[in-house]
Amino acid sequence: MKVDHTASRRSAPPSFTTPKSLPEFQRVFPDEGSCAAYLYAARVPAGFICPYCQTQGQPYRFKNQPDMLRCRVCKRNTRLTAGTTMQKSQTPISTWFWGAWRAIPRECRPCSSRSSWA
């Protein structure tokens, strides 16, 4: 099944909220698999479309490489990080997520009533 790429939109998964604290961040993103799952949901909300053969469908997933996707039709591999700053990095996705979360100014993160000083 061939699909038009313009139909897909990139945004955070619908039920996701930015973690407010370090313990909450660690609960939401405890390992590489959870970071890869979030990245997959954010990058391909309409489903995986092979960048080589343009076929839409569920890719093969590899347990030991959570960011690797293989098209079931043409058997070519692509990574979740392709086309991003993380593309050719050897740094784990979880480290990138941690850095991105730390780079968000504290005042831009949603704050909880428990962490408020007022």
N, C-alpha and C. Protein backbone atom coordinates (compact mmCIF):
# COMPACT_ATOMS: atom_id res chain seq x y z
N MET A 1 0.83 -1.17 0.00
CA MET A 1 0.00 0.00 0.00
C MET A 1 0.88 1.24 0.00
N LYS A 2 0.77 2.08 -1.00
CA LYS A 2 1.55 3.31 -1.11
C LYS A 2 0.79 4.44 -0.43
N VAL A 3 1.55 5.33 0.25
CA VAL A 3 0.92 6.40 1.01
C VAL A 3 1.63 7.72 0.73
N ASP A 4 0.88 8.81 0.75
CA ASP A 4 1.41 10.15 0.57
C ASP A 4 2.04 10.62 1.88
N HIS A 5 3.32 11.06 1.85
CA HIS A 5 4.02 11.51 3.04
C HIS A 5 3.44 12.79 3.62
N THR A 6 2.79 13.61 2.85
CA THR A 6 2.27 14.88 3.35
C THR A 6 1.14 14.67 4.35
N ALA A 7 0.55 13.48 4.35
CA ALA A 7 -0.55 13.22 5.28
C ALA A 7 -0.06 13.01 6.71
N SER A 8 1.19 12.60 6.88
CA SER A 8 1.68 12.36 8.23
C SER A 8 2.13 13.67 8.87
N ARG A 9 1.88 13.79 10.18
CA ARG A 9 2.23 15.00 10.90
C ARG A 9 3.10 14.59 12.08
N ARG A 10 4.10 15.37 12.40
CA ARG A 10 5.02 15.03 13.48
C ARG A 10 4.72 15.87 14.70
N SER A 11 4.37 15.20 15.77
CA SER A 11 4.13 15.86 17.05
C SER A 11 4.24 14.83 18.15
N ALA A 12 4.16 15.29 19.39
CA ALA A 12 4.23 14.37 20.52
C ALA A 12 3.00 13.47 20.53
N PRO A 13 3.15 12.26 21.05
CA PRO A 13 1.98 11.37 21.18
C PRO A 13 0.87 12.08 21.95
N PRO A 14 -0.39 11.81 21.63
CA PRO A 14 -1.52 12.56 22.19
C PRO A 14 -1.61 12.60 23.71
N SER A 15 -1.28 11.53 24.40
CA SER A 15 -1.46 11.51 25.85
C SER A 15 -0.19 11.90 26.61
N PHE A 16 0.81 12.43 25.92
CA PHE A 16 2.09 12.72 26.55
C PHE A 16 2.12 14.11 27.18
N THR A 17 2.67 14.20 28.39
CA THR A 17 2.93 15.49 29.03
C THR A 17 4.41 15.51 29.42
N THR A 18 5.02 16.67 29.35
CA THR A 18 6.44 16.81 29.67
C THR A 18 6.67 16.50 31.14
N PRO A 19 7.63 15.64 31.45
CA PRO A 19 7.94 15.37 32.86
C PRO A 19 8.35 16.65 33.58
N LYS A 20 7.86 16.82 34.81
CA LYS A 20 8.10 18.04 35.56
C LYS A 20 9.34 17.97 36.44
N SER A 21 9.76 16.76 36.78
CA SER A 21 10.90 16.60 37.69
C SER A 21 11.78 15.45 37.21
N LEU A 22 12.97 15.37 37.78
CA LEU A 22 13.89 14.29 37.42
C LEU A 22 13.30 12.92 37.73
N PRO A 23 12.72 12.69 38.92
CA PRO A 23 12.12 11.36 39.17
C PRO A 23 11.01 11.01 38.18
N GLU A 24 10.21 12.01 37.80
CA GLU A 24 9.15 11.76 36.83
C GLU A 24 9.75 11.45 35.46
N PHE A 25 10.79 12.19 35.07
CA PHE A 25 11.48 11.91 33.80
C PHE A 25 11.99 10.48 33.79
N GLN A 26 12.60 10.05 34.89
CA GLN A 26 13.15 8.70 34.97
C GLN A 26 12.06 7.63 34.95
N ARG A 27 10.86 7.94 35.45
CA ARG A 27 9.74 7.00 35.37
C ARG A 27 9.21 6.90 33.94
N VAL A 28 9.13 8.03 33.25
CA VAL A 28 8.59 8.06 31.89
C VAL A 28 9.57 7.43 30.89
N PHE A 29 10.87 7.70 31.06
CA PHE A 29 11.90 7.22 30.14
C PHE A 29 12.96 6.42 30.90
N PRO A 30 12.63 5.23 31.40
CA PRO A 30 13.58 4.46 32.20
C PRO A 30 14.68 3.77 31.39
N ASP A 31 14.47 3.59 30.07
CA ASP A 31 15.45 2.85 29.27
C ASP A 31 15.36 3.23 27.79
N GLU A 32 16.23 2.65 27.00
CA GLU A 32 16.26 2.92 25.56
C GLU A 32 14.94 2.56 24.88
N GLY A 33 14.34 1.45 25.29
CA GLY A 33 13.10 1.00 24.68
C GLY A 33 11.97 2.01 24.84
N SER A 34 11.85 2.61 26.02
CA SER A 34 10.78 3.59 26.24
C SER A 34 11.04 4.87 25.45
N CYS A 35 12.30 5.26 25.32
CA CYS A 35 12.63 6.43 24.50
C CYS A 35 12.34 6.15 23.03
N ALA A 36 12.70 4.96 22.56
CA ALA A 36 12.44 4.58 21.17
C ALA A 36 10.94 4.51 20.90
N ALA A 37 10.16 4.00 21.86
CA ALA A 37 8.71 3.92 21.69
C ALA A 37 8.10 5.32 21.57
N TYR A 38 8.57 6.25 22.39
CA TYR A 38 8.09 7.62 22.31
C TYR A 38 8.47 8.25 20.97
N LEU A 39 9.73 8.07 20.57
CA LEU A 39 10.20 8.64 19.32
C LEU A 39 9.43 8.06 18.13
N TYR A 40 9.14 6.76 18.17
CA TYR A 40 8.36 6.12 17.11
C TYR A 40 6.95 6.74 17.03
N ALA A 41 6.30 6.89 18.19
CA ALA A 41 4.95 7.46 18.21
C ALA A 41 4.94 8.91 17.74
N ALA A 42 6.00 9.65 18.05
CA ALA A 42 6.07 11.05 17.65
C ALA A 42 6.42 11.21 16.17
N ARG A 43 7.28 10.35 15.64
CA ARG A 43 7.74 10.50 14.26
C ARG A 43 6.83 9.86 13.23
N VAL A 44 6.12 8.80 13.59
CA VAL A 44 5.26 8.12 12.61
C VAL A 44 3.85 7.91 13.17
N PRO A 45 3.14 9.00 13.47
CA PRO A 45 1.80 8.86 14.07
C PRO A 45 0.80 8.16 13.15
N ALA A 46 1.00 8.26 11.83
CA ALA A 46 0.09 7.62 10.87
C ALA A 46 0.57 6.22 10.49
N GLY A 47 1.66 5.75 11.12
CA GLY A 47 2.20 4.44 10.80
C GLY A 47 3.50 4.56 10.01
N PHE A 48 4.29 3.52 10.06
CA PHE A 48 5.59 3.49 9.39
C PHE A 48 5.42 3.49 7.88
N ILE A 49 6.18 4.36 7.21
CA ILE A 49 6.23 4.41 5.76
C ILE A 49 7.70 4.23 5.38
N CYS A 50 8.01 3.19 4.63
CA CYS A 50 9.39 2.92 4.25
C CYS A 50 9.92 4.06 3.39
N PRO A 51 11.08 4.64 3.76
CA PRO A 51 11.62 5.74 2.96
C PRO A 51 12.18 5.27 1.61
N TYR A 52 12.33 3.97 1.41
CA TYR A 52 12.89 3.44 0.17
C TYR A 52 11.82 3.01 -0.83
N CYS A 53 10.84 2.22 -0.36
CA CYS A 53 9.83 1.72 -1.29
C CYS A 53 8.45 2.36 -1.10
N GLN A 54 8.33 3.26 -0.12
CA GLN A 54 7.10 4.01 0.16
C GLN A 54 5.93 3.14 0.62
N THR A 55 6.20 1.93 1.08
CA THR A 55 5.15 1.04 1.55
C THR A 55 4.83 1.35 3.01
N GLN A 56 3.53 1.37 3.33
CA GLN A 56 3.12 1.59 4.72
C GLN A 56 2.80 0.25 5.37
N GLY A 57 3.19 0.09 6.61
CA GLY A 57 2.91 -1.13 7.35
C GLY A 57 3.80 -1.25 8.57
N GLN A 58 3.59 -2.28 9.34
CA GLN A 58 4.40 -2.50 10.53
C GLN A 58 5.79 -2.99 10.13
N PRO A 59 6.83 -2.31 10.59
CA PRO A 59 8.19 -2.76 10.27
C PRO A 59 8.60 -3.89 11.21
N TYR A 60 9.63 -4.63 10.84
CA TYR A 60 10.25 -5.55 11.78
C TYR A 60 10.95 -4.70 12.83
N ARG A 61 10.91 -5.14 14.07
CA ARG A 61 11.60 -4.45 15.16
C ARG A 61 12.64 -5.41 15.74
N PHE A 62 13.74 -4.88 16.22
CA PHE A 62 14.81 -5.68 16.79
C PHE A 62 14.93 -5.38 18.27
N LYS A 63 14.87 -6.43 19.09
CA LYS A 63 14.90 -6.25 20.54
C LYS A 63 16.20 -5.60 21.01
N ASN A 64 17.33 -5.96 20.41
CA ASN A 64 18.61 -5.42 20.85
C ASN A 64 18.95 -4.08 20.17
N GLN A 65 18.14 -3.63 19.22
CA GLN A 65 18.32 -2.34 18.56
C GLN A 65 16.96 -1.64 18.46
N PRO A 66 16.49 -1.01 19.56
CA PRO A 66 15.14 -0.46 19.55
C PRO A 66 14.90 0.66 18.55
N ASP A 67 15.98 1.29 18.04
CA ASP A 67 15.78 2.37 17.08
C ASP A 67 15.86 1.91 15.62
N MET A 68 16.05 0.61 15.39
CA MET A 68 16.16 0.07 14.03
C MET A 68 14.80 -0.46 13.55
N LEU A 69 14.44 -0.08 12.34
CA LEU A 69 13.20 -0.55 11.71
C LEU A 69 13.56 -1.18 10.37
N ARG A 70 12.95 -2.32 10.05
CA ARG A 70 13.19 -2.97 8.75
C ARG A 70 11.87 -3.13 8.03
N CYS A 71 11.84 -2.64 6.80
CA CYS A 71 10.64 -2.76 5.97
C CYS A 71 10.38 -4.23 5.69
N ARG A 72 9.13 -4.65 5.81
CA ARG A 72 8.76 -6.05 5.55
C ARG A 72 8.70 -6.36 4.05
N VAL A 73 8.65 -5.33 3.21
CA VAL A 73 8.56 -5.54 1.77
C VAL A 73 9.94 -5.55 1.12
N CYS A 74 10.69 -4.45 1.26
CA CYS A 74 11.99 -4.37 0.58
C CYS A 74 13.15 -4.83 1.46
N LYS A 75 12.89 -5.07 2.74
CA LYS A 75 13.88 -5.59 3.71
C LYS A 75 15.03 -4.62 3.98
N ARG A 76 14.85 -3.34 3.70
CA ARG A 76 15.90 -2.35 3.98
C ARG A 76 15.69 -1.77 5.37
N ASN A 77 16.80 -1.43 6.01
CA ASN A 77 16.78 -0.89 7.37
C ASN A 77 16.76 0.63 7.36
N THR A 78 16.10 1.19 8.34
CA THR A 78 16.15 2.63 8.61
C THR A 78 16.08 2.80 10.12
N ARG A 79 16.58 3.90 10.60
CA ARG A 79 16.58 4.16 12.04
C ARG A 79 15.57 5.23 12.38
N LEU A 80 15.05 5.16 13.59
CA LEU A 80 14.13 6.19 14.06
C LEU A 80 14.79 7.56 14.08
N THR A 81 16.10 7.57 14.25
CA THR A 81 16.83 8.84 14.35
C THR A 81 17.20 9.42 12.99
N ALA A 82 16.92 8.72 11.90
CA ALA A 82 17.26 9.22 10.56
C ALA A 82 16.59 10.57 10.32
N GLY A 83 17.37 11.52 9.83
CA GLY A 83 16.84 12.84 9.54
C GLY A 83 16.76 13.76 10.75
N THR A 84 17.36 13.36 11.86
CA THR A 84 17.37 14.18 13.06
C THR A 84 18.82 14.50 13.44
N THR A 85 19.00 15.32 14.45
CA THR A 85 20.33 15.64 14.96
C THR A 85 21.01 14.37 15.48
N MET A 86 20.23 13.42 15.91
CA MET A 86 20.75 12.17 16.48
C MET A 86 21.20 11.17 15.43
N GLN A 87 21.00 11.48 14.16
CA GLN A 87 21.15 10.53 13.05
C GLN A 87 22.42 9.69 13.07
N LYS A 88 23.58 10.28 13.10
CA LYS A 88 24.82 9.50 13.01
C LYS A 88 25.55 9.42 14.34
N SER A 89 24.86 9.75 15.40
CA SER A 89 25.47 9.76 16.72
C SER A 89 25.53 8.36 17.32
N GLN A 90 26.58 8.09 18.04
CA GLN A 90 26.70 6.83 18.78
C GLN A 90 26.11 6.97 20.19
N THR A 91 25.66 8.17 20.52
CA THR A 91 25.07 8.45 21.83
C THR A 91 23.69 7.80 21.91
N PRO A 92 23.39 7.11 23.00
CA PRO A 92 22.07 6.48 23.15
C PRO A 92 20.93 7.51 23.11
N ILE A 93 19.77 7.08 22.63
CA ILE A 93 18.60 7.96 22.55
C ILE A 93 18.25 8.49 23.94
N SER A 94 18.38 7.65 24.96
CA SER A 94 18.03 8.09 26.31
C SER A 94 18.91 9.26 26.75
N THR A 95 20.16 9.29 26.34
CA THR A 95 21.05 10.41 26.68
C THR A 95 20.61 11.67 25.95
N TRP A 96 20.21 11.54 24.68
CA TRP A 96 19.69 12.68 23.93
C TRP A 96 18.42 13.22 24.59
N PHE A 97 17.54 12.32 25.02
CA PHE A 97 16.30 12.75 25.68
C PHE A 97 16.62 13.50 26.96
N TRP A 98 17.54 12.97 27.74
CA TRP A 98 17.93 13.61 29.00
C TRP A 98 18.47 15.01 28.71
N GLY A 99 19.34 15.12 27.72
CA GLY A 99 19.91 16.42 27.36
C GLY A 99 18.84 17.41 26.89
N ALA A 100 17.91 16.93 26.09
CA ALA A 100 16.83 17.79 25.60
C ALA A 100 15.95 18.25 26.76
N TRP A 101 15.65 17.35 27.68
CA TRP A 101 14.82 17.71 28.83
C TRP A 101 15.54 18.74 29.70
N ARG A 102 16.85 18.55 29.90
CA ARG A 102 17.64 19.48 30.71
C ARG A 102 17.75 20.84 30.01
N ALA A 103 17.71 20.86 28.68
CA ALA A 103 17.85 22.11 27.94
C ALA A 103 16.58 22.96 27.99
N ILE A 104 15.45 22.35 28.30
CA ILE A 104 14.20 23.10 28.41
C ILE A 104 14.28 23.93 29.69
N PRO A 105 14.18 25.25 29.58
CA PRO A 105 14.23 26.06 30.81
C PRO A 105 13.15 25.63 31.79
N ARG A 106 13.51 25.60 33.06
CA ARG A 106 12.58 25.15 34.10
C ARG A 106 11.26 25.89 34.04
N GLU A 107 11.31 27.19 33.74
CA GLU A 107 10.06 27.97 33.70
C GLU A 107 9.18 27.60 32.51
N CYS A 108 9.73 26.90 31.51
CA CYS A 108 8.92 26.47 30.36
C CYS A 108 8.28 25.11 30.58
N ARG A 109 8.77 24.37 31.57
CA ARG A 109 8.17 23.07 31.87
C ARG A 109 6.88 23.31 32.66
N PRO A 110 5.88 22.47 32.44
CA PRO A 110 4.68 22.61 33.26
C PRO A 110 5.06 22.32 34.71
N CYS A 111 4.60 23.13 35.63
CA CYS A 111 4.99 22.88 37.04
C CYS A 111 3.80 22.31 37.81
N SER A 112 4.12 21.49 38.78
CA SER A 112 3.08 20.91 39.62
C SER A 112 2.92 21.80 40.84
N SER A 113 1.81 21.69 41.53
CA SER A 113 1.57 22.50 42.72
C SER A 113 2.53 22.15 43.83
N ARG A 114 3.02 20.89 43.86
CA ARG A 114 3.96 20.48 44.91
C ARG A 114 5.32 21.14 44.74
N SER A 115 5.72 21.44 43.49
CA SER A 115 7.04 22.00 43.28
C SER A 115 7.02 23.53 43.27
N SER A 116 5.85 24.12 43.43
CA SER A 116 5.72 25.57 43.42
C SER A 116 6.20 26.16 44.73
N TRP A 117 6.92 27.29 44.67
CA TRP A 117 7.42 27.95 45.88
C TRP A 117 6.41 28.94 46.43
N ALA A 118 5.44 29.34 45.65
CA ALA A 118 4.48 30.35 46.10
C ALA A 118 3.45 29.81 47.04
